[in-house]
């Protein structure tokens, strides 16, 4: 099977105390084997003086731009705003037709971000300025990836979020169920996490997912025929 081309992501991280952030260390570990660039603004520019040429070159050489930050008072830490003020005005051409994603961490449950919840508004509503930035630069704005209350999640849930985060960074094309299955199969074939002793189990999982994908494609084809 021909390997799918992955998106090359630039993760622009803003966090003033990243070394003590379990969220960010979890994310960083998740990127270790991926073809992505981890770019921590506070580490690179502790004095807030942005190297414009370096930043423009990074934007030019990546397909998917990710702003990753904790949700501080319904906004991002100051360094990301400093970066935006210094760089975006010069980045019109190198951002066009690329993708912009937001990876957000919050200490409040995601269900509270809705009408009637403690936070009253949805996360999408709070992130409207980033959506507008994407549209202004003719970029595709991705649905935000939210990691809420990391400390309270089970180990199983953390692993699920790790896989979802890796997919958010590298999945090519629309996040349909078929594309997600393809992505997962690609990871199993090329980045096997199972030991050699579990090779048979891994092959079984791959075979099962391939069959499920075929069944799903047949169902989608049938539904399309019924619509027509």
Protein backbone atom coordinates (compact mmCIF):
# COMPACT_ATOMS: atom_id res chain seq x y z
CA UNK A 1 0.00 0.00 0.00
CA UNK A 2 1.34 3.44 -0.89
CA UNK A 3 2.05 5.58 2.14
CA UNK A 4 -0.09 8.70 2.47
CA UNK A 5 1.73 12.03 2.54
CA UNK A 6 1.50 13.54 6.00
CA UNK A 7 1.01 17.21 6.72
CA UNK A 8 4.09 18.88 8.16
CA UNK A 9 2.99 20.83 11.19
CA UNK A 10 4.54 23.80 12.98
CA UNK A 11 3.40 23.82 16.61
CA UNK A 12 3.75 27.36 17.97
CA UNK A 13 3.55 26.84 21.72
CA UNK A 14 3.01 29.64 24.21
CA UNK A 15 3.28 28.71 27.89
CA UNK A 16 5.22 30.67 30.53
CA UNK A 17 5.94 27.65 32.76
CA UNK A 18 6.07 24.78 30.33
CA UNK A 19 8.47 22.58 32.30
CA UNK A 20 5.92 22.18 35.10
CA UNK A 21 2.93 21.77 32.78
CA UNK A 22 1.80 18.14 32.62
CA UNK A 23 -0.39 19.00 29.63
CA UNK A 24 2.46 20.41 27.56
CA UNK A 25 4.95 17.69 28.52
CA UNK A 26 2.35 15.12 27.48
CA UNK A 27 1.91 16.87 24.13
CA UNK A 28 5.66 17.19 23.59
CA UNK A 29 6.21 13.49 24.22
CA UNK A 30 3.40 12.70 21.76
CA UNK A 31 5.27 14.55 18.98
CA UNK A 32 8.59 12.77 19.52
CA UNK A 33 8.29 10.42 16.51
CA UNK A 34 6.28 12.72 14.28
CA UNK A 35 7.52 14.94 11.46
CA UNK A 36 6.54 18.14 13.25
CA UNK A 37 8.35 21.20 14.58
CA UNK A 38 7.89 22.10 18.26
CA UNK A 39 8.43 25.86 18.64
CA UNK A 40 8.15 27.22 22.19
CA UNK A 41 7.98 31.01 22.06
CA UNK A 42 8.92 31.78 25.67
CA UNK A 43 12.05 29.63 25.35
CA UNK A 44 13.10 31.08 21.98
CA UNK A 45 12.28 34.70 22.85
CA UNK A 46 12.41 35.22 26.63
CA UNK A 47 12.76 38.97 26.09
CA UNK A 48 9.86 39.10 23.62
CA UNK A 49 12.08 40.19 20.71
CA UNK A 50 10.83 38.10 17.77
CA UNK A 51 13.25 37.12 14.99
CA UNK A 52 11.02 37.94 12.03
CA UNK A 53 13.03 36.27 9.25
CA UNK A 54 13.31 33.03 11.22
CA UNK A 55 9.56 32.98 11.86
CA UNK A 56 8.68 33.66 8.24
CA UNK A 57 10.95 30.82 7.13
CA UNK A 58 9.24 28.45 9.57
CA UNK A 59 5.83 29.41 8.22
CA UNK A 60 6.99 28.89 4.64
CA UNK A 61 8.28 25.37 5.28
CA UNK A 62 5.20 23.96 7.03
CA UNK A 63 1.72 23.04 5.81
CA UNK A 64 -0.27 23.20 9.02
CA UNK A 65 0.21 25.94 11.60
CA UNK A 66 -0.88 25.14 15.14
CA UNK A 67 -1.29 27.67 17.95
CA UNK A 68 -1.00 25.71 21.20
CA UNK A 69 -1.63 27.34 24.57
CA UNK A 70 -3.44 27.21 27.92
CA UNK A 71 -6.69 29.15 28.08
CA UNK A 72 -5.72 32.10 30.30
CA UNK A 73 -8.70 34.37 31.03
CA UNK A 74 -10.35 33.32 27.76
CA UNK A 75 -7.27 34.16 25.70
CA UNK A 76 -3.68 33.06 25.02
CA UNK A 77 -0.53 33.94 27.02
CA UNK A 78 1.12 37.26 26.13
CA UNK A 79 3.95 35.78 24.02
CA UNK A 80 1.55 34.49 21.38
CA UNK A 81 0.00 37.95 21.01
CA UNK A 82 3.51 39.45 20.75
CA UNK A 83 4.31 36.90 18.02
CA UNK A 84 1.11 37.71 16.13
CA UNK A 85 1.77 41.47 16.25
CA UNK A 86 5.35 41.00 15.02
CA UNK A 87 4.84 38.35 12.34
CA UNK A 88 1.34 38.23 10.85
CA UNK A 89 1.52 41.55 9.02
CA UNK A 90 4.44 40.16 6.97
CA UNK A 91 3.06 36.63 6.52
CA UNK A 92 0.27 37.11 3.99
CA UNK A 93 1.76 35.07 1.14
CA UNK A 94 3.43 32.31 3.14
CA UNK A 95 0.19 31.45 4.97
CA UNK A 96 -2.18 31.40 2.02
CA UNK A 97 -3.96 28.06 1.41
CA UNK A 98 -2.42 26.48 4.50
CA UNK A 99 -4.22 25.24 7.61
CA UNK A 100 -4.56 26.86 11.03
CA UNK A 101 -5.38 24.78 14.09
CA UNK A 102 -5.77 25.59 17.77
CA UNK A 103 -4.71 23.22 20.56
CA UNK A 104 -6.19 24.46 23.79
CA UNK A 105 -5.82 23.29 27.40
CA UNK A 106 -8.24 24.28 30.11
CA UNK A 107 -8.78 23.44 33.76
CA UNK A 108 -12.54 23.67 33.31
CA UNK A 109 -14.62 20.79 31.96
CA UNK A 110 -15.43 21.19 28.27
CA UNK A 111 -19.15 20.77 28.98
CA UNK A 112 -19.12 24.05 30.92
CA UNK A 113 -18.40 25.95 27.68
CA UNK A 114 -21.98 26.22 26.48
CA UNK A 115 -25.13 28.25 27.03
CA UNK A 116 -26.24 27.49 30.55
CA UNK A 117 -22.80 26.26 31.60
CA UNK A 118 -20.46 28.04 34.00
CA UNK A 119 -18.54 29.68 31.15
CA UNK A 120 -21.74 30.62 29.22
CA UNK A 121 -20.18 30.58 25.73
CA UNK A 122 -18.72 27.82 23.58
CA UNK A 123 -15.00 27.48 22.99
CA UNK A 124 -15.63 28.14 19.30
CA UNK A 125 -17.15 31.50 20.22
CA UNK A 126 -14.13 32.44 22.33
CA UNK A 127 -11.82 31.48 19.43
CA UNK A 128 -13.56 33.62 16.79
CA UNK A 129 -10.51 35.96 16.44
CA UNK A 130 -8.34 33.00 15.33
CA UNK A 131 -10.99 31.88 12.88
CA UNK A 132 -11.03 35.41 11.46
CA UNK A 133 -7.21 35.39 11.16
CA UNK A 134 -7.42 32.15 9.18
CA UNK A 135 -10.03 33.53 6.79
CA UNK A 136 -8.15 36.80 6.37
CA UNK A 137 -5.10 34.85 5.19
CA UNK A 138 -7.16 32.47 3.04
CA UNK A 139 -6.33 29.54 5.33
CA UNK A 140 -8.47 26.57 6.31
CA UNK A 141 -9.49 26.84 9.96
CA UNK A 142 -9.53 23.47 11.72
CA UNK A 143 -11.92 22.59 14.55
CA UNK A 144 -10.04 23.26 17.80
CA UNK A 145 -8.44 20.41 19.72
CA UNK A 146 -9.31 20.78 23.42
CA UNK A 147 -7.61 19.02 26.32
CA UNK A 148 -9.79 19.72 29.36
CA UNK A 149 -8.93 18.76 32.94
CA UNK A 150 -5.94 16.60 32.02
CA UNK A 151 -5.19 15.75 35.67
CA UNK A 152 -8.58 14.10 36.15
CA UNK A 153 -8.49 11.83 33.11
CA UNK A 154 -7.90 8.08 33.32
CA UNK A 155 -4.81 6.55 31.73
CA UNK A 156 -7.01 5.03 29.03
CA UNK A 157 -8.52 8.43 28.24
CA UNK A 158 -5.07 10.04 28.13
CA UNK A 159 -3.94 7.49 25.55
CA UNK A 160 -7.06 8.18 23.50
CA UNK A 161 -6.28 11.90 23.60
CA UNK A 162 -2.64 11.26 22.69
CA UNK A 163 -3.68 9.39 19.54
CA UNK A 164 -6.27 12.06 18.70
CA UNK A 165 -3.61 14.77 19.15
CA UNK A 166 -1.15 12.98 16.85
CA UNK A 167 -3.91 12.62 14.27
CA UNK A 168 -4.77 16.32 14.60
CA UNK A 169 -1.17 17.19 13.74
CA UNK A 170 -0.65 14.82 10.82
CA UNK A 171 -3.93 13.68 9.23
CA UNK A 172 -4.16 14.70 5.58
CA UNK A 173 -7.57 15.58 4.20
CA UNK A 174 -10.95 15.87 5.86
CA UNK A 175 -11.31 14.08 9.23
CA UNK A 176 -13.88 11.58 7.97
CA UNK A 177 -14.19 8.18 9.60
CA UNK A 178 -12.59 6.50 6.57
CA UNK A 179 -9.65 8.92 6.66
CA UNK A 180 -9.21 8.36 10.39
CA UNK A 181 -9.12 4.60 9.84
CA UNK A 182 -6.53 5.07 7.08
CA UNK A 183 -4.44 7.22 9.41
CA UNK A 184 -4.56 4.66 12.20
CA UNK A 185 -3.62 1.85 9.82
CA UNK A 186 -0.66 3.92 8.65
CA UNK A 187 0.55 4.32 12.23
CA UNK A 188 0.27 0.59 12.90
CA UNK A 189 2.18 -0.30 9.75
CA UNK A 190 4.94 2.26 9.97
CA UNK A 191 5.22 3.16 13.66
CA UNK A 192 4.35 -0.12 15.43
CA UNK A 193 3.91 0.36 19.17
CA UNK A 194 3.46 -3.36 19.87
CA UNK A 195 6.41 -5.61 20.64
CA UNK A 196 7.41 -8.38 18.22
CA UNK A 197 5.72 -10.93 20.51
CA UNK A 198 2.40 -9.19 19.81
CA UNK A 199 2.87 -9.14 16.04
CA UNK A 200 -0.03 -11.52 15.50
CA UNK A 201 -2.34 -9.29 17.53
CA UNK A 202 -1.21 -6.25 15.55
CA UNK A 203 -1.89 -8.02 12.24
CA UNK A 204 -5.34 -8.97 13.51
CA UNK A 205 -6.12 -5.34 14.36
CA UNK A 206 -4.97 -4.19 10.91
CA UNK A 207 -7.06 -6.86 9.18
CA UNK A 208 -10.12 -5.95 11.28
CA UNK A 209 -9.80 -2.24 10.52
CA UNK A 210 -9.40 -2.91 6.79
CA UNK A 211 -12.59 -4.96 6.76
CA UNK A 212 -14.46 -2.30 8.74
CA UNK A 213 -13.26 0.35 6.31
CA UNK A 214 -14.49 -1.68 3.32
CA UNK A 215 -17.88 -2.18 4.98
CA UNK A 216 -18.14 1.52 5.71
CA UNK A 217 -17.25 2.47 2.13
CA UNK A 218 -19.89 0.03 0.82
CA UNK A 219 -22.48 1.58 3.14
CA UNK A 220 -21.57 5.11 2.04
CA UNK A 221 -21.84 4.07 -1.61
CA UNK A 222 -25.28 2.55 -1.00
CA UNK A 223 -26.49 5.66 0.83
CA UNK A 224 -25.28 7.84 -2.01
CA UNK A 225 -27.18 5.73 -4.53
CA UNK A 226 -30.36 6.02 -2.46
CA UNK A 227 -30.01 9.80 -2.38
CA UNK A 228 -29.70 9.91 -6.16
